[in-house]
Amino acid sequence: MERVFQIAAVILAGIAAYFLWQRNGDGAFVTAVLGAVAFFLSVRFQVKSRLSEREIERLENEERERKFLSEPAENFGAIEADAFTSAENEKRAKDRVL
């Protein structure tokens, strides 16, 4: 859709230039305004498609993150074991002091 508006903008700019060459200021103004509108509509469609692509990527990343956090990992067990060992060591140290 954005290509259609880009092509229309170029065609309308050419028509506006033709009207200026023919010294028809009103026709040149109207076609130049329509060309500008077509150009900005093409930009709008480009931005809209990029935003939808980014939204899809964001949702995919969130889904991957949810799956990663919900699955038990072997590394998490190792971290917990180390933490338990250090807590055990602190308890033994307190018992020796008392």
Protein backbone atom coordinates (compact mmCIF):
# COMPACT_ATOMS: atom_id res chain seq x y z
CA MET A 1 0.00 0.00 0.00
CA GLU A 2 2.86 2.34 0.77
CA ARG A 3 4.23 1.92 -2.76
CA VAL A 4 0.90 3.04 -4.20
CA PHE A 5 1.04 6.26 -2.21
CA GLN A 6 4.71 6.81 -3.10
CA ILE A 7 3.95 6.42 -6.79
CA ALA A 8 0.93 8.73 -6.46
CA ALA A 9 3.11 11.33 -4.70
CA VAL A 10 5.67 11.28 -7.51
CA ILE A 11 2.99 11.51 -10.20
CA LEU A 12 1.23 14.37 -8.41
CA ALA A 13 4.55 16.21 -7.97
CA GLY A 14 5.12 15.90 -11.72
CA ILE A 15 1.62 17.21 -12.45
CA ALA A 16 2.21 20.10 -10.03
CA ALA A 17 5.44 20.94 -11.87
CA TYR A 18 3.55 20.85 -15.16
CA PHE A 19 0.91 23.24 -13.79
CA LEU A 20 3.65 25.58 -12.59
CA TRP A 21 5.22 25.48 -16.04
CA GLN A 22 1.83 26.37 -17.53
CA ARG A 23 1.51 29.20 -14.97
CA ASN A 24 -1.55 27.64 -13.36
CA GLY A 25 -0.91 28.40 -9.69
CA ASP A 26 -4.19 27.04 -8.38
CA GLY A 27 -3.78 23.69 -10.12
CA ALA A 28 -0.15 23.49 -8.99
CA PHE A 29 -1.15 24.20 -5.39
CA VAL A 30 -3.92 21.60 -5.32
CA THR A 31 -1.82 18.86 -6.90
CA ALA A 32 1.16 19.71 -4.66
CA VAL A 33 -1.06 19.39 -1.57
CA LEU A 34 -2.44 16.08 -2.80
CA GLY A 35 1.11 14.89 -3.50
CA ALA A 36 2.17 15.86 0.03
CA VAL A 37 -0.81 14.00 1.48
CA ALA A 38 0.06 10.90 -0.56
CA PHE A 39 3.67 11.12 0.59
CA PHE A 40 2.73 11.36 4.27
CA LEU A 41 0.25 8.52 3.91
CA SER A 42 3.04 6.34 2.51
CA VAL A 43 5.20 7.26 5.52
CA ARG A 44 2.30 6.42 7.83
CA PHE A 45 1.92 2.95 6.32
CA GLN A 46 5.67 2.35 6.64
CA VAL A 47 5.65 3.33 10.30
CA LYS A 48 2.56 1.24 10.97
CA SER A 49 4.14 -1.87 9.43
CA ARG A 50 7.37 -1.37 11.39
CA LEU A 51 5.45 -0.97 14.64
CA SER A 52 3.47 -4.13 14.02
CA GLU A 53 6.71 -6.04 13.29
CA ARG A 54 8.25 -4.74 16.51
CA GLU A 55 5.13 -5.68 18.47
CA ILE A 56 5.30 -9.23 17.09
CA GLU A 57 8.99 -9.45 18.04
CA ARG A 58 8.25 -8.12 21.53
CA LEU A 59 5.51 -10.71 22.06
CA GLU A 60 7.80 -13.49 20.82
CA ASN A 61 10.56 -12.35 23.19
CA GLU A 62 8.13 -12.25 26.11
CA GLU A 63 6.93 -15.75 25.28
CA ARG A 64 10.52 -17.05 25.09
CA GLU A 65 11.29 -15.39 28.42
CA ARG A 66 8.20 -16.94 30.04
CA LYS A 67 9.20 -20.38 28.76
CA PHE A 68 12.76 -19.92 29.99
CA LEU A 69 11.67 -18.86 33.45
CA SER A 70 9.04 -21.58 33.79
CA GLU A 71 11.34 -24.46 32.80
CA PRO A 72 13.57 -25.89 35.53
CA ALA A 73 17.20 -25.52 34.61
CA GLU A 74 20.14 -27.55 35.84
CA ASN A 75 22.10 -24.39 36.59
CA PHE A 76 19.43 -23.14 38.96
CA GLY A 77 19.82 -26.30 41.03
CA ALA A 78 23.56 -25.76 41.27
CA ILE A 79 23.06 -22.20 42.45
CA GLU A 80 20.59 -23.31 45.11
CA ALA A 81 22.96 -26.03 46.30
CA ASP A 82 25.77 -23.50 46.69
CA ALA A 83 23.47 -21.17 48.61
CA PHE A 84 22.38 -24.02 50.89
CA THR A 85 25.99 -24.96 51.50
CA SER A 86 26.95 -21.43 52.47
CA ALA A 87 23.97 -21.21 54.83
CA GLU A 88 25.06 -24.51 56.37
CA ASN A 89 28.56 -23.14 56.79
CA GLU A 90 27.27 -20.05 58.58
CA LYS A 91 25.25 -22.22 60.97
CA ARG A 92 28.31 -24.38 61.74
CA ALA A 93 30.39 -21.28 62.36
CA LYS A 94 27.80 -19.90 64.81
CA ASP A 95 27.63 -23.25 66.61
CA ARG A 96 31.42 -23.29 67.06
CA VAL A 97 31.42 -19.78 68.48
CA LEU A 98 28.70 -20.57 71.01
